[in-house]
C-alpha atoms as a PDB file:
ATOM      1  CA  MET A   1     267.416 -89.999 153.559  1.00  0.00           C
ATOM      2  CA  ASP A   2     269.325 -91.839 156.290  1.00  0.00           C
ATOM      3  CA  SER A   3     271.382 -89.894 158.796  1.00  0.00           C
ATOM      4  CA  VAL A   4     274.940 -91.117 159.287  1.00  0.00           C
ATOM      5  CA  PHE A   5     276.940 -90.591 162.482  1.00  0.00           C
ATOM      6  CA  THR A   6     280.381 -91.754 163.550  1.00  0.00           C
ATOM      7  CA  GLY A   7     281.700 -92.851 166.907  1.00  0.00           C
ATOM      8  CA  LYS A   8     284.920 -94.085 168.380  1.00  0.00           C
ATOM      9  CA  VAL A   9     285.658 -97.236 170.364  1.00  0.00           C
ATOM     10  CA  SER A  10     287.567 -96.748 173.627  1.00  0.00           C
ATOM     11  CA  LYS A  11     290.253 -99.076 175.031  1.00  0.00           C
ATOM     12  CA  LYS A  12     287.500-100.708 177.102  1.00  0.00           C
ATOM     13  CA  GLY A  13     285.370-101.365 174.010  1.00  0.00           C
ATOM     14  CA  GLN A  14     282.886 -98.623 174.903  1.00  0.00           C
ATOM     15  CA  VAL A  15     281.178 -96.546 172.248  1.00  0.00           C
ATOM     16  CA  VAL A  16     279.379 -93.269 172.880  1.00  0.00           C
ATOM     17  CA  ILE A  17     276.059 -93.245 171.046  1.00  0.00           C
ATOM     18  CA  PRO A  18     275.813 -89.918 169.198  1.00  0.00           C
ATOM     19  CA  ALA A  19     273.428 -87.384 170.764  1.00  0.00           C
ATOM     20  CA  PRO A  20     270.953 -87.289 167.829  1.00  0.00           C
ATOM     21  CA  ILE A  21     270.518 -91.066 168.062  1.00  0.00           C
ATOM     22  CA  ARG A  22     270.128 -90.971 171.865  1.00  0.00           C
ATOM     23  CA  LYS A  23     267.497 -88.281 171.470  1.00  0.00           C
ATOM     24  CA  ALA A  24     265.644 -90.137 168.697  1.00  0.00           C
ATOM     25  CA  LEU A  25     265.532 -93.346 170.774  1.00  0.00           C
ATOM     26  CA  GLY A  26     264.772 -91.549 174.043  1.00  0.00           C
ATOM     27  CA  LEU A  27     267.902 -92.948 175.677  1.00  0.00           C
ATOM     28  CA  LYS A  28     268.820 -91.603 179.107  1.00  0.00           C
ATOM     29  CA  LYS A  29     271.472 -92.569 181.642  1.00  0.00           C
ATOM     30  CA  GLY A  30     270.821 -96.185 182.593  1.00  0.00           C
ATOM     31  CA  SER A  31     268.685 -96.971 179.533  1.00  0.00           C
ATOM     32  CA  LYS A  32     269.171-100.506 178.266  1.00  0.00           C
ATOM     33  CA  VAL A  33     269.727-101.212 174.603  1.00  0.00           C
ATOM     34  CA  LEU A  34     269.648-104.328 172.484  1.00  0.00           C
ATOM     35  CA  PHE A  35     272.322-104.972 169.858  1.00  0.00           C
ATOM     36  CA  VAL A  36     271.361-107.176 166.921  1.00  0.00           C
ATOM     37  CA  LEU A  37     274.176-108.430 164.654  1.00  0.00           C
ATOM     38  CA  LYS A  38     273.029-109.594 161.233  1.00  0.00           C
ATOM     39  CA  ASN A  39     275.123-109.840 158.068  1.00  0.00           C
ATOM     40  CA  SER A  40     277.946-107.774 159.573  1.00  0.00           C
ATOM     41  CA  GLU A  41     275.523-104.939 160.427  1.00  0.00           C
ATOM     42  CA  VAL A  42     274.514-103.895 163.929  1.00  0.00           C
ATOM     43  CA  THR A  43     271.088-102.573 164.860  1.00  0.00           C
ATOM     44  CA  ILE A  44     270.587-100.822 168.196  1.00  0.00           C
ATOM     45  CA  LYS A  45     267.141-100.854 169.795  1.00  0.00           C
ATOM     46  CA  LYS A  46     265.982 -99.361 173.062  1.00  0.00           C
ATOM     47  CA  LEU A  47     264.645-102.029 175.403  1.00  0.00           C
ATOM     48  CA  PRO A  48     261.265-101.133 176.887  1.00  0.00           C
ATOM     49  CA  THR A  49     261.180-100.221 180.555  1.00  0.00           C
ATOM     50  CA  ALA A  50     258.557-101.332 183.056  1.00  0.00           C
ATOM     51  CA  LEU A  51     256.936 -97.913 182.612  1.00  0.00           C
ATOM     52  CA  ASP A  52     256.830 -98.400 178.829  1.00  0.00           C
ATOM     53  CA  TRP A  53     255.044-101.742 179.336  1.00  0.00           C
ATOM     54  CA  ALA A  54     252.636-100.200 181.853  1.00  0.00           C
ATOM     55  CA  LYS A  55     251.682 -97.502 179.342  1.00  0.00           C
ATOM     56  CA  LEU A  56     251.053-100.159 176.684  1.00  0.00           C
ATOM     57  CA  VAL A  57     248.866-102.187 179.033  1.00  0.00           C
ATOM     58  CA  GLU A  58     246.817 -99.087 179.885  1.00  0.00           C
ATOM     59  CA  GLN A  59     245.857 -98.822 176.214  1.00  0.00           C
ATOM     60  CA  ILE A  60     244.403-102.340 176.055  1.00  0.00           C
ATOM     61  CA  PRO A  61     240.610-102.216 176.229  1.00  0.00           C
ATOM     62  CA  VAL A  62     238.994-104.229 178.981  1.00  0.00           C
ATOM     63  CA  GLU A  63     235.766-106.097 178.407  1.00  0.00           C
ATOM     64  CA  ASP A  64     234.082-108.626 180.671  1.00  0.00           C
ATOM     65  CA  VAL A  65     233.336-111.739 178.658  1.00  0.00           C
ATOM     66  CA  ASN A  66     231.155-114.482 180.055  1.00  0.00           C
ATOM     67  CA  ILE A  67     232.093-117.817 178.553  1.00  0.00           C
ATOM     68  CA  ASP A  68     229.828-120.755 179.343  1.00  0.00           C
ATOM     69  CA  LYS A  69     230.942-124.275 180.253  1.00  0.00           C
ATOM     70  CA  ASN A  70     230.985-125.221 176.559  1.00  0.00           C
ATOM     71  CA  GLY A  71     233.354-122.363 175.666  1.00  0.00           C
ATOM     72  CA  TYR A  72     230.746-120.154 174.019  1.00  0.00           C
ATOM     73  CA  PHE A  73     229.972-116.485 174.608  1.00  0.00           C
ATOM     74  CA  ASP A  74     227.186-114.133 173.563  1.00  0.00           C
ATOM     75  CA  PRO A  75     228.606-111.917 170.769  1.00  0.00           C
ATOM     76  CA  LYS A  76     225.867-109.330 171.403  1.00  0.00           C
ATOM     77  CA  LYS A  77     227.042-108.850 175.002  1.00  0.00           C
ATOM     78  CA  SER A  78     230.744-108.914 174.120  1.00  0.00           C
ATOM     79  CA  GLN A  79     230.938-107.094 170.802  1.00  0.00           C
ATOM     80  CA  ASP A  80     234.578-106.016 171.052  1.00  0.00           C
ATOM     81  CA  PHE A  81     235.696-109.522 172.033  1.00  0.00           C
ATOM     82  CA  HIS A  82     233.695-111.009 169.168  1.00  0.00           C
ATOM     83  CA  ASP A  83     235.264-108.563 166.700  1.00  0.00           C
ATOM     84  CA  TRP A  84     238.733-109.404 168.036  1.00  0.00           C
ATOM     85  CA  MET A  85     238.072-113.153 167.763  1.00  0.00           C
ATOM     86  CA  VAL A  86     236.733-112.850 164.214  1.00  0.00           C
ATOM     87  CA  ASN A  87     238.990-110.135 162.773  1.00  0.00           C
ATOM     88  CA  GLY A  88     242.057-110.409 164.942  1.00  0.00           C
END
């Protein structure tokens, strides 16, 4: 079931994001958010930080792939790359 929270708009157009939502999104002071308006509904998403991107990049496997002048590689030497190329 969806959780529903209310907020109030200030004279300056500012809205405080309710604490349960801030906690769920991991929002801290200075966090940047993205507002998406679609069909009169607003979605709020936390924008990734440089640290978030760095953590994602750390998870990417690294494999040296030797590609010859004709654009071919040896699938036996680069099994993960071959699997990625074939299966996506």
